[in-house]
Amino acid sequence: MDTDDEWDAIVPDEAVMRPGAAALCDRLGLRAGPLIRFPAGSQPVYAVGDRYVLKLFPASAATDGLVEARVLAHLQGQLPVPTPYLHDAGACENGWRYVLMSRLRGTDLAVAWPRIPPAERDRIATEAGETLAALHARDTAPLADVLGPGDWDAFTGRQRGTAVARQRAHGLPEPWLEQIPGFLDAAPPAAPGPAVLLHTEFMRQHLTVDEHDDWRLTGLLDFEPAMIGSRAYDFVAVGLFVSRGDPRLLTRVLRAYGETFAPATLLAHTLLHRYSNLPWYLRELPAPPRPTLDSLAETWFGTG
């Protein structure tokens, strides 16, 4: 399978995927219990008993498998919360790659969130900010050969040039599209600083918590989209998927992180993000009081 279309046709088919995953487990000498597929994720991911997680990458996403393995190895024991321990990684049949990692303790934060009391939510926000600060403090040099985009300014320039077209393809209405060029031109740039190791999808779905330990953060996972670039880029997912338009929570994250960003700067980075989908966010997050990008920036990325 060398194309996205071929992969999209195969991924949901457990009649094809499960025997291959089971055969790989046998090859790796795993006898750790039942093989259970996780329902979410862009790649097939299986729990192998209680100890292991097996993640598979097709030939068309082989580089993502290399990235995940390298970043996991680099971060081992370096953050305030655990990241999966890398047990093994390599090539398998037909250009696929695999990553075998430890299974994190706890529950998906996105699933658990409605049951978490407000005080614990505040503390989670603080722990999230501390975790991002530690991630961004890690040396990027050992990963420079595998993480993109290489030239950050060139990357953001390309994203700026295609911003309107990409949002139009997602179905963003014309009154919003017309505002994008002027908004990007006027948005304050992020403060200068060294490029950092970015998770790029730092969201509730990629954090785990332990409900039996006062809802403490127990892990951060899914590093296949990692990049090296501007620290503001990681706060796109924080505002959209951690604080979700709650200024109090975002304030706590930023205070623990040790830096602030102008709301317009973060919305500009949202428009530059490689996975940006403004129509989806408009459906999922609080609506701005006015139909302008300036108002939207304050609604999603304002603090208080």
C-alpha atoms as a PDB file:
ATOM      1  CA  MET A   1       0.000   0.000   0.000  1.00  0.00           C
ATOM      2  CA  ASP A   2       1.778   3.077  -1.255  1.00  0.00           C
ATOM      3  CA  THR A   3      -1.030   5.638  -1.521  1.00  0.00           C
ATOM      4  CA  ASP A   4      -3.413   7.294   0.918  1.00  0.00           C
ATOM      5  CA  ASP A   5      -6.428   5.940  -0.979  1.00  0.00           C
ATOM      6  CA  GLU A   6      -5.184   2.364  -0.685  1.00  0.00           C
ATOM      7  CA  TRP A   7      -4.465   2.887   3.006  1.00  0.00           C
ATOM      8  CA  ASP A   8      -7.891   4.437   3.649  1.00  0.00           C
ATOM      9  CA  ALA A   9      -9.492   1.355   2.125  1.00  0.00           C
ATOM     10  CA  ILE A  10      -7.499  -1.083   4.272  1.00  0.00           C
ATOM     11  CA  VAL A  11      -7.319   0.647   7.670  1.00  0.00           C
ATOM     12  CA  PRO A  12     -10.923  -0.053   8.765  1.00  0.00           C
ATOM     13  CA  ASP A  13     -10.806  -3.687   7.619  1.00  0.00           C
ATOM     14  CA  GLU A  14      -9.927  -5.748  10.671  1.00  0.00           C
ATOM     15  CA  ALA A  15     -10.119  -8.912   8.618  1.00  0.00           C
ATOM     16  CA  VAL A  16      -6.938  -7.680   6.936  1.00  0.00           C
ATOM     17  CA  MET A  17      -5.313  -5.638   9.712  1.00  0.00           C
ATOM     18  CA  ARG A  18      -5.662  -7.953  12.702  1.00  0.00           C
ATOM     19  CA  PRO A  19      -3.900 -11.023  11.239  1.00  0.00           C
ATOM     20  CA  GLY A  20      -0.982  -8.817  10.205  1.00  0.00           C
ATOM     21  CA  ALA A  21      -0.767  -7.228  13.644  1.00  0.00           C
ATOM     22  CA  ALA A  22      -0.983 -10.630  15.332  1.00  0.00           C
ATOM     23  CA  ALA A  23       1.755 -12.036  13.107  1.00  0.00           C
ATOM     24  CA  LEU A  24       3.995  -9.088  13.957  1.00  0.00           C
ATOM     25  CA  CYS A  25       3.374  -9.645  17.680  1.00  0.00           C
ATOM     26  CA  ASP A  26       4.414 -13.276  17.225  1.00  0.00           C
ATOM     27  CA  ARG A  27       7.553 -12.171  15.416  1.00  0.00           C
ATOM     28  CA  LEU A  28       8.380  -9.796  18.277  1.00  0.00           C
ATOM     29  CA  GLY A  29       7.877 -12.571  20.824  1.00  0.00           C
ATOM     30  CA  LEU A  30       4.911 -10.897  22.514  1.00  0.00           C
ATOM     31  CA  ARG A  31       2.629 -13.097  24.562  1.00  0.00           C
ATOM     32  CA  ALA A  32       1.130 -10.288  26.568  1.00  0.00           C
ATOM     33  CA  GLY A  33      -2.585 -10.956  26.271  1.00  0.00           C
ATOM     34  CA  PRO A  34      -5.395 -10.004  23.898  1.00  0.00           C
ATOM     35  CA  LEU A  35      -4.878  -7.722  20.912  1.00  0.00           C
ATOM     36  CA  ILE A  36      -7.390  -4.858  21.172  1.00  0.00           C
ATOM     37  CA  ARG A  37      -7.572  -2.091  18.602  1.00  0.00           C
ATOM     38  CA  PHE A  38      -8.044   1.475  19.786  1.00  0.00           C
ATOM     39  CA  PRO A  39     -11.027   3.078  17.983  1.00  0.00           C
ATOM     40  CA  ALA A  40      -9.445   6.493  17.340  1.00  0.00           C
ATOM     41  CA  GLY A  41      -6.323   7.648  15.540  1.00  0.00           C
ATOM     42  CA  SER A  42      -5.099   8.130  12.000  1.00  0.00           C
ATOM     43  CA  GLN A  43      -2.978   4.948  12.147  1.00  0.00           C
ATOM     44  CA  PRO A  44      -3.937   1.438  13.327  1.00  0.00           C
ATOM     45  CA  VAL A  45      -3.010   1.165  16.999  1.00  0.00           C
ATOM     46  CA  TYR A  46      -3.440  -1.938  19.159  1.00  0.00           C
ATOM     47  CA  ALA A  47      -3.202  -2.589  22.873  1.00  0.00           C
ATOM     48  CA  VAL A  48      -1.210  -5.772  23.382  1.00  0.00           C
ATOM     49  CA  GLY A  49      -2.306  -6.873  26.810  1.00  0.00           C
ATOM     50  CA  ASP A  50      -1.876  -4.323  29.588  1.00  0.00           C
ATOM     51  CA  ARG A  51       1.792  -3.492  28.963  1.00  0.00           C
ATOM     52  CA  TYR A  52       2.279  -2.717  25.289  1.00  0.00           C
ATOM     53  CA  VAL A  53       0.899  -0.645  22.438  1.00  0.00           C
ATOM     54  CA  LEU A  54       1.659  -1.528  18.813  1.00  0.00           C
ATOM     55  CA  LYS A  55       1.329   1.260  16.250  1.00  0.00           C
ATOM     56  CA  LEU A  56       1.468   0.514  12.522  1.00  0.00           C
ATOM     57  CA  PHE A  57       2.463   2.863   9.707  1.00  0.00           C
ATOM     58  CA  PRO A  58       1.916   2.180   5.984  1.00  0.00           C
ATOM     59  CA  ALA A  59       4.582   2.829   3.367  1.00  0.00           C
ATOM     60  CA  SER A  60       2.947   6.185   2.596  1.00  0.00           C
ATOM     61  CA  ALA A  61       3.436   7.213   6.242  1.00  0.00           C
ATOM     62  CA  ALA A  62       6.718   5.419   6.950  1.00  0.00           C
ATOM     63  CA  THR A  63       8.427   8.692   7.856  1.00  0.00           C
ATOM     64  CA  ASP A  64       5.822   9.228  10.598  1.00  0.00           C
ATOM     65  CA  GLY A  65       6.894   5.932  12.125  1.00  0.00           C
ATOM     66  CA  LEU A  66      10.523   7.028  12.107  1.00  0.00           C
ATOM     67  CA  VAL A  67       9.571  10.333  13.729  1.00  0.00           C
ATOM     68  CA  GLU A  68       7.518   8.694  16.466  1.00  0.00           C
ATOM     69  CA  ALA A  69      10.289   6.275  17.383  1.00  0.00           C
ATOM     70  CA  ARG A  70      13.039   8.884  17.401  1.00  0.00           C
ATOM     71  CA  VAL A  71      11.067  11.405  19.457  1.00  0.00           C
ATOM     72  CA  LEU A  72       9.980   8.789  22.007  1.00  0.00           C
ATOM     73  CA  ALA A  73      13.587   7.691  22.472  1.00  0.00           C
ATOM     74  CA  HIS A  74      14.715  11.321  22.824  1.00  0.00           C
ATOM     75  CA  LEU A  75      12.091  12.180  25.447  1.00  0.00           C
ATOM     76  CA  GLN A  76      12.436   9.118  27.645  1.00  0.00           C
ATOM     77  CA  GLY A  77      12.120  10.285  31.247  1.00  0.00           C
ATOM     78  CA  GLN A  78      12.654  13.949  30.335  1.00  0.00           C
ATOM     79  CA  LEU A  79       9.177  15.433  30.894  1.00  0.00           C
ATOM     80  CA  PRO A  80       7.138  16.017  34.070  1.00  0.00           C
ATOM     81  CA  VAL A  81       4.647  13.409  32.847  1.00  0.00           C
ATOM     82  CA  PRO A  82       5.500  10.035  31.301  1.00  0.00           C
ATOM     83  CA  THR A  83       5.725   9.464  27.574  1.00  0.00           C
ATOM     84  CA  PRO A  84       5.473   5.944  26.134  1.00  0.00           C
ATOM     85  CA  TYR A  85       8.645   3.916  26.573  1.00  0.00           C
ATOM     86  CA  LEU A  86      10.042   2.806  23.234  1.00  0.00           C
ATOM     87  CA  HIS A  87      10.511  -0.981  23.307  1.00  0.00           C
ATOM     88  CA  ASP A  88      11.127  -1.569  19.610  1.00  0.00           C
ATOM     89  CA  ALA A  89      10.649  -0.049  16.172  1.00  0.00           C
ATOM     90  CA  GLY A  90      11.455  -1.062  12.651  1.00  0.00           C
ATOM     91  CA  ALA A  91      10.331  -2.169   9.214  1.00  0.00           C
ATOM     92  CA  CYS A  92       7.857  -4.895   8.423  1.00  0.00           C
ATOM     93  CA  GLU A  93       6.342  -6.178   5.180  1.00  0.00           C
ATOM     94  CA  ASN A  94       5.435  -4.078   2.138  1.00  0.00           C
ATOM     95  CA  GLY A  95       7.157  -0.950   3.368  1.00  0.00           C
ATOM     96  CA  TRP A  96       5.195  -0.735   6.632  1.00  0.00           C
ATOM     97  CA  ARG A  97       6.847   0.358   9.838  1.00  0.00           C
ATOM     98  CA  TYR A  98       5.903  -0.369  13.413  1.00  0.00           C
ATOM     99  CA  VAL A  99       6.517   1.171  16.820  1.00  0.00           C
ATOM    100  CA  LEU A 100       6.159  -0.958  19.949  1.00  0.00           C
ATOM    101  CA  MET A 101       5.790   1.174  23.049  1.00  0.00           C
ATOM    102  CA  SER A 102       4.619   0.933  26.632  1.00  0.00           C
ATOM    103  CA  ARG A 103       0.983   1.529  27.455  1.00  0.00           C
ATOM    104  CA  LEU A 104       0.423   4.649  29.529  1.00  0.00           C
ATOM    105  CA  ARG A 105      -1.489   4.445  32.770  1.00  0.00           C
ATOM    106  CA  GLY A 106      -4.832   6.206  32.999  1.00  0.00           C
ATOM    107  CA  THR A 107      -7.764   7.414  30.925  1.00  0.00           C
ATOM    108  CA  ASP A 108      -8.026   9.618  27.837  1.00  0.00           C
ATOM    109  CA  LEU A 109      -8.406  13.175  29.189  1.00  0.00           C
ATOM    110  CA  ALA A 110     -10.997  14.048  26.524  1.00  0.00           C
ATOM    111  CA  VAL A 111     -13.195  11.156  27.653  1.00  0.00           C
ATOM    112  CA  ALA A 112     -12.706  11.861  31.352  1.00  0.00           C
ATOM    113  CA  TRP A 113     -13.104  15.666  31.173  1.00  0.00           C
ATOM    114  CA  PRO A 114     -16.866  15.894  31.929  1.00  0.00           C
ATOM    115  CA  ARG A 115     -16.320  13.997  35.196  1.00  0.00           C
ATOM    116  CA  ILE A 116     -13.359  16.049  36.415  1.00  0.00           C
ATOM    117  CA  PRO A 117     -14.139  18.655  39.133  1.00  0.00           C
ATOM    118  CA  PRO A 118     -13.237  22.310  38.360  1.00  0.00           C
ATOM    119  CA  ALA A 119     -10.335  22.469  40.829  1.00  0.00           C
ATOM    120  CA  GLU A 120      -8.711  19.417  39.259  1.00  0.00           C
ATOM    121  CA  ARG A 121      -9.254  20.866  35.781  1.00  0.00           C
ATOM    122  CA  ASP A 122      -7.319  23.942  36.887  1.00  0.00           C
ATOM    123  CA  ARG A 123      -4.468  21.806  38.160  1.00  0.00           C
ATOM    124  CA  ILE A 124      -4.413  19.788  34.931  1.00  0.00           C
ATOM    125  CA  ALA A 125      -4.080  23.059  33.014  1.00  0.00           C
ATOM    126  CA  THR A 126      -1.078  23.965  35.165  1.00  0.00           C
ATOM    127  CA  GLU A 127       0.490  20.536  34.649  1.00  0.00           C
ATOM    128  CA  ALA A 128      -0.091  20.866  30.891  1.00  0.00           C
ATOM    129  CA  GLY A 129       1.763  24.192  30.806  1.00  0.00           C
ATOM    130  CA  GLU A 130       4.675  22.757  32.777  1.00  0.00           C
ATOM    131  CA  THR A 131       4.831  19.775  30.433  1.00  0.00           C
ATOM    132  CA  LEU A 132       4.912  21.964  27.323  1.00  0.00           C
ATOM    133  CA  ALA A 133       7.638  24.122  28.845  1.00  0.00           C
ATOM    134  CA  ALA A 134       9.750  21.020  29.481  1.00  0.00           C
ATOM    135  CA  LEU A 135       9.115  19.726  25.974  1.00  0.00           C
ATOM    136  CA  HIS A 136      10.152  23.039  24.424  1.00  0.00           C
ATOM    137  CA  ALA A 137      13.311  23.096  26.540  1.00  0.00           C
ATOM    138  CA  ARG A 138      14.620  19.846  25.051  1.00  0.00           C
ATOM    139  CA  ASP A 139      17.558  19.979  22.676  1.00  0.00           C
ATOM    140  CA  THR A 140      16.372  19.672  19.073  1.00  0.00           C
ATOM    141  CA  ALA A 141      19.758  18.926  17.517  1.00  0.00           C
ATOM    142  CA  PRO A 142      19.514  15.119  17.856  1.00  0.00           C
ATOM    143  CA  LEU A 143      16.231  15.184  15.922  1.00  0.00           C
ATOM    144  CA  ALA A 144      17.110  17.699  13.209  1.00  0.00           C
ATOM    145  CA  ASP A 145      17.768  14.945  10.649  1.00  0.00           C
ATOM    146  CA  VAL A 146      14.286  13.468  10.955  1.00  0.00           C
ATOM    147  CA  LEU A 147      11.957  16.336  11.962  1.00  0.00           C
ATOM    148  CA  GLY A 148      10.711  18.951   9.530  1.00  0.00           C
ATOM    149  CA  PRO A 149      10.140  21.418   8.186  1.00  0.00           C
ATOM    150  CA  GLY A 150      13.797  22.492   8.141  1.00  0.00           C
ATOM    151  CA  ASP A 151      13.290  26.138   7.197  1.00  0.00           C
ATOM    152  CA  TRP A 152      10.484  27.387   9.466  1.00  0.00           C
ATOM    153  CA  ASP A 153      10.093  30.737   7.720  1.00  0.00           C
ATOM    154  CA  ALA A 154       9.778  29.013   4.355  1.00  0.00           C
ATOM    155  CA  PHE A 155       7.175  26.632   5.801  1.00  0.00           C
ATOM    156  CA  THR A 156       5.046  29.411   7.262  1.00  0.00           C
ATOM    157  CA  GLY A 157       5.410  31.368   4.030  1.00  0.00           C
ATOM    158  CA  ARG A 158       4.001  28.452   2.061  1.00  0.00           C
ATOM    159  CA  GLN A 159       1.192  28.035   4.575  1.00  0.00           C
ATOM    160  CA  ARG A 160       0.372  31.736   4.349  1.00  0.00           C
ATOM    161  CA  GLY A 161       0.232  31.533   0.553  1.00  0.00           C
ATOM    162  CA  THR A 162      -2.264  28.657   0.638  1.00  0.00           C
ATOM    163  CA  ALA A 163      -4.262  29.694   3.722  1.00  0.00           C
ATOM    164  CA  VAL A 164      -7.327  30.933   1.847  1.00  0.00           C
ATOM    165  CA  ALA A 165      -7.407  27.988  -0.545  1.00  0.00           C
ATOM    166  CA  ARG A 166      -7.064  25.446   2.248  1.00  0.00           C
ATOM    167  CA  GLN A 167      -9.917  26.952   4.258  1.00  0.00           C
ATOM    168  CA  ARG A 168     -12.059  27.261   1.129  1.00  0.00           C
ATOM    169  CA  ALA A 169     -11.525  23.544   0.494  1.00  0.00           C
ATOM    170  CA  HIS A 170     -12.894  22.894   4.000  1.00  0.00           C
ATOM    171  CA  GLY A 171     -16.007  24.943   3.201  1.00  0.00           C
ATOM    172  CA  LEU A 172     -15.292  28.182   5.073  1.00  0.00           C
ATOM    173  CA  PRO A 173     -17.833  30.829   3.943  1.00  0.00           C
ATOM    174  CA  GLU A 174     -16.598  33.679   1.769  1.00  0.00           C
ATOM    175  CA  PRO A 175     -17.067  36.469   4.387  1.00  0.00           C
ATOM    176  CA  TRP A 176     -14.506  34.708   6.576  1.00  0.00           C
ATOM    177  CA  LEU A 177     -12.190  33.894   3.682  1.00  0.00           C
ATOM    178  CA  GLU A 178     -12.033  37.539   2.634  1.00  0.00           C
ATOM    179  CA  GLN A 179     -10.594  38.500   6.024  1.00  0.00           C
ATOM    180  CA  ILE A 180      -7.690  36.030   6.080  1.00  0.00           C
ATOM    181  CA  PRO A 181      -5.013  37.910   4.056  1.00  0.00           C
ATOM    182  CA  GLY A 182      -5.452  41.179   5.943  1.00  0.00           C
ATOM    183  CA  PHE A 183      -5.625  39.426   9.298  1.00  0.00           C
ATOM    184  CA  LEU A 184      -2.395  37.514   8.651  1.00  0.00           C
ATOM    185  CA  ASP A 185      -0.663  40.721   7.547  1.00  0.00           C
ATOM    186  CA  ALA A 186      -1.733  42.575  10.706  1.00  0.00           C
ATOM    187  CA  ALA A 187      -1.248  39.837  13.316  1.00  0.00           C
ATOM    188  CA  PRO A 188       1.700  40.431  15.653  1.00  0.00           C
ATOM    189  CA  PRO A 189       4.505  37.944  14.998  1.00  0.00           C
ATOM    190  CA  ALA A 190       5.554  35.574  17.737  1.00  0.00           C
ATOM    191  CA  ALA A 191       8.442  36.807  19.846  1.00  0.00           C
ATOM    192  CA  PRO A 192      11.793  35.789  18.365  1.00  0.00           C
ATOM    193  CA  GLY A 193      13.471  32.818  19.928  1.00  0.00           C
ATOM    194  CA  PRO A 194      15.109  29.509  19.122  1.00  0.00           C
ATOM    195  CA  ALA A 195      13.171  26.825  17.314  1.00  0.00           C
ATOM    196  CA  VAL A 196      11.813  24.237  19.734  1.00  0.00           C
ATOM    197  CA  LEU A 197      10.573  20.672  19.686  1.00  0.00           C
ATOM    198  CA  LEU A 198       6.858  20.880  18.911  1.00  0.00           C
ATOM    199  CA  HIS A 199       4.247  18.232  19.621  1.00  0.00           C
ATOM    200  CA  THR A 200       1.859  20.113  17.227  1.00  0.00           C
ATOM    201  CA  GLU A 201      -1.252  18.280  18.515  1.00  0.00           C
ATOM    202  CA  PHE A 202      -1.095  18.937  22.252  1.00  0.00           C
ATOM    203  CA  MET A 203      -4.753  18.221  23.005  1.00  0.00           C
ATOM    204  CA  ARG A 204      -6.942  16.448  25.549  1.00  0.00           C
ATOM    205  CA  GLN A 205      -7.096  13.389  23.280  1.00  0.00           C
ATOM    206  CA  HIS A 206      -3.320  12.954  23.600  1.00  0.00           C
ATOM    207  CA  LEU A 207      -3.142  13.307  27.376  1.00  0.00           C
ATOM    208  CA  THR A 208      -4.017  10.698  29.987  1.00  0.00           C
ATOM    209  CA  VAL A 209      -5.174  11.119  33.596  1.00  0.00           C
ATOM    210  CA  ASP A 210      -5.622   8.845  36.602  1.00  0.00           C
ATOM    211  CA  GLU A 211      -9.037   9.250  38.177  1.00  0.00           C
ATOM    212  CA  HIS A 212      -7.835   7.286  41.217  1.00  0.00           C
ATOM    213  CA  ASP A 213      -5.004   9.752  41.876  1.00  0.00           C
ATOM    214  CA  ASP A 214      -6.883  13.066  41.995  1.00  0.00           C
ATOM    215  CA  TRP A 215      -6.987  13.210  38.190  1.00  0.00           C
ATOM    216  CA  ARG A 216      -3.233  13.686  37.850  1.00  0.00           C
ATOM    217  CA  LEU A 217      -1.778  13.772  34.364  1.00  0.00           C
ATOM    218  CA  THR A 218      -0.200  10.386  33.688  1.00  0.00           C
ATOM    219  CA  GLY A 219       1.024  10.741  30.133  1.00  0.00           C
ATOM    220  CA  LEU A 220       1.492  12.505  26.816  1.00  0.00           C
ATOM    221  CA  LEU A 221       1.367  10.464  23.623  1.00  0.00           C
ATOM    222  CA  ASP A 222       1.233  10.557  19.818  1.00  0.00           C
ATOM    223  CA  PHE A 223       4.430  12.200  18.597  1.00  0.00           C
ATOM    224  CA  GLU A 224       4.233  11.251  14.923  1.00  0.00           C
ATOM    225  CA  PRO A 225       3.340  14.856  13.841  1.00  0.00           C
ATOM    226  CA  ALA A 226       6.221  16.407  15.816  1.00  0.00           C
ATOM    227  CA  MET A 227       8.147  19.291  14.224  1.00  0.00           C
ATOM    228  CA  ILE A 228      10.848  21.827  15.057  1.00  0.00           C
ATOM    229  CA  GLY A 229       9.652  25.428  14.946  1.00  0.00           C
ATOM    230  CA  SER A 230       8.065  28.382  16.723  1.00  0.00           C
ATOM    231  CA  ARG A 231       6.733  27.686  20.217  1.00  0.00           C
ATOM    232  CA  ALA A 232       3.526  29.621  19.454  1.00  0.00           C
ATOM    233  CA  TYR A 233       2.557  26.881  16.991  1.00  0.00           C
ATOM    234  CA  ASP A 234       1.960  24.404  19.845  1.00  0.00           C
ATOM    235  CA  PHE A 235      -0.517  26.748  21.495  1.00  0.00           C
ATOM    236  CA  VAL A 236      -2.920  26.406  18.577  1.00  0.00           C
ATOM    237  CA  ALA A 237      -3.948  22.940  19.775  1.00  0.00           C
ATOM    238  CA  VAL A 238      -3.806  24.086  23.409  1.00  0.00           C
ATOM    239  CA  GLY A 239      -6.362  26.841  22.798  1.00  0.00           C
ATOM    240  CA  LEU A 240      -8.563  24.776  20.517  1.00  0.00           C
ATOM    241  CA  PHE A 241      -8.487  21.408  22.271  1.00  0.00           C
ATOM    242  CA  VAL A 242      -7.300  21.883  25.870  1.00  0.00           C
ATOM    243  CA  SER A 243      -8.774  25.177  27.084  1.00  0.00           C
ATOM    244  CA  ARG A 244     -11.385  25.199  24.267  1.00  0.00           C
ATOM    245  CA  GLY A 245     -12.116  28.907  24.508  1.00  0.00           C
ATOM    246  CA  ASP A 246     -12.031  29.037  28.323  1.00  0.00           C
ATOM    247  CA  PRO A 247      -9.836  32.077  29.118  1.00  0.00           C
ATOM    248  CA  ARG A 248      -9.273  31.007  32.721  1.00  0.00           C
ATOM    249  CA  LEU A 249      -7.866  27.627  31.698  1.00  0.00           C
ATOM    250  CA  LEU A 250      -5.673  29.116  28.979  1.00  0.00           C
ATOM    251  CA  THR A 251      -4.341  31.662  31.468  1.00  0.00           C
ATOM    252  CA  ARG A 252      -3.322  28.846  33.797  1.00  0.00           C
ATOM    253  CA  VAL A 253      -1.565  26.957  31.000  1.00  0.00           C
ATOM    254  CA  LEU A 254       0.355  30.054  29.905  1.00  0.00           C
ATOM    255  CA  ARG A 255       1.269  31.037  33.467  1.00  0.00           C
ATOM    256  CA  ALA A 256       2.733  27.584  34.093  1.00  0.00           C
ATOM    257  CA  TYR A 257       4.474  27.693  30.726  1.00  0.00           C
ATOM    258  CA  GLY A 258       6.047  31.066  31.489  1.00  0.00           C
ATOM    259  CA  GLU A 259       5.126  33.054  28.389  1.00  0.00           C
ATOM    260  CA  THR A 260       2.116  34.779  26.858  1.00  0.00           C
ATOM    261  CA  PHE A 261       1.001  35.213  23.257  1.00  0.00           C
ATOM    262  CA  ALA A 262      -1.306  37.770  21.687  1.00  0.00           C
ATOM    263  CA  PRO A 263      -4.658  36.178  20.722  1.00  0.00           C
ATOM    264  CA  ALA A 264      -4.198  37.381  17.128  1.00  0.00           C
ATOM    265  CA  THR A 265      -0.788  35.704  17.010  1.00  0.00           C
ATOM    266  CA  LEU A 266      -2.288  32.365  18.010  1.00  0.00           C
ATOM    267  CA  LEU A 267      -5.188  32.620  15.556  1.00  0.00           C
ATOM    268  CA  ALA A 268      -2.682  33.485  12.828  1.00  0.00           C
ATOM    269  CA  HIS A 269      -0.768  30.325  13.705  1.00  0.00           C
ATOM    270  CA  THR A 270      -4.081  28.458  13.603  1.00  0.00           C
ATOM    271  CA  LEU A 271      -4.535  29.560   9.995  1.00  0.00           C
ATOM    272  CA  LEU A 272      -0.937  28.524   9.235  1.00  0.00           C
ATOM    273  CA  HIS A 273      -1.221  25.135  10.947  1.00  0.00           C
ATOM    274  CA  ARG A 274      -0.873  22.229   8.534  1.00  0.00           C
ATOM    275  CA  TYR A 275      -4.072  20.596   9.861  1.00  0.00           C
ATOM    276  CA  SER A 276      -6.112  23.798  10.165  1.00  0.00           C
ATOM    277  CA  ASN A 277      -9.860  23.405   9.612  1.00  0.00           C
ATOM    278  CA  LEU A 278     -11.632  26.610  10.632  1.00  0.00           C
ATOM    279  CA  PRO A 279     -15.179  25.455   9.751  1.00  0.00           C
ATOM    280  CA  TRP A 280     -14.787  22.487  12.093  1.00  0.00           C
ATOM    281  CA  TYR A 281     -13.482  24.678  14.904  1.00  0.00           C
ATOM    282  CA  LEU A 282     -16.376  27.114  14.405  1.00  0.00           C
ATOM    283  CA  ARG A 283     -18.790  24.223  14.909  1.00  0.00           C
ATOM    284  CA  GLU A 284     -17.016  22.895  17.991  1.00  0.00           C
ATOM    285  CA  LEU A 285     -15.920  25.999  19.919  1.00  0.00           C
ATOM    286  CA  PRO A 286     -17.654  29.102  21.359  1.00  0.00           C
ATOM    287  CA  ALA A 287     -18.954  31.503  18.731  1.00  0.00           C
ATOM    288  CA  PRO A 288     -17.413  35.005  18.654  1.00  0.00           C
ATOM    289  CA  PRO A 289     -19.679  37.976  19.419  1.00  0.00           C
ATOM    290  CA  ARG A 290     -18.867  39.420  15.973  1.00  0.00           C
ATOM    291  CA  PRO A 291     -18.160  37.583  12.704  1.00  0.00           C
ATOM    292  CA  THR A 292     -14.578  38.815  12.458  1.00  0.00           C
ATOM    293  CA  LEU A 293     -11.240  37.092  12.850  1.00  0.00           C
ATOM    294  CA  ASP A 294     -10.200  39.662  15.463  1.00  0.00           C
ATOM    295  CA  SER A 295     -13.248  38.764  17.549  1.00  0.00           C
ATOM    296  CA  LEU A 296     -12.596  35.070  16.973  1.00  0.00           C
ATOM    297  CA  ALA A 297      -9.014  35.446  18.210  1.00  0.00           C
ATOM    298  CA  GLU A 298     -10.178  36.972  21.476  1.00  0.00           C
ATOM    299  CA  THR A 299     -12.901  34.330  21.934  1.00  0.00           C
ATOM    300  CA  TRP A 300     -10.636  31.314  21.471  1.00  0.00           C
ATOM    301  CA  PHE A 301      -7.252  32.608  22.606  1.00  0.00           C
ATOM    302  CA  GLY A 302      -8.067  35.432  25.022  1.00  0.00           C
ATOM    303  CA  THR A 303      -6.961  35.165  28.632  1.00  0.00           C
ATOM    304  CA  GLY A 304      -8.472  36.440  31.836  1.00  0.00           C
END
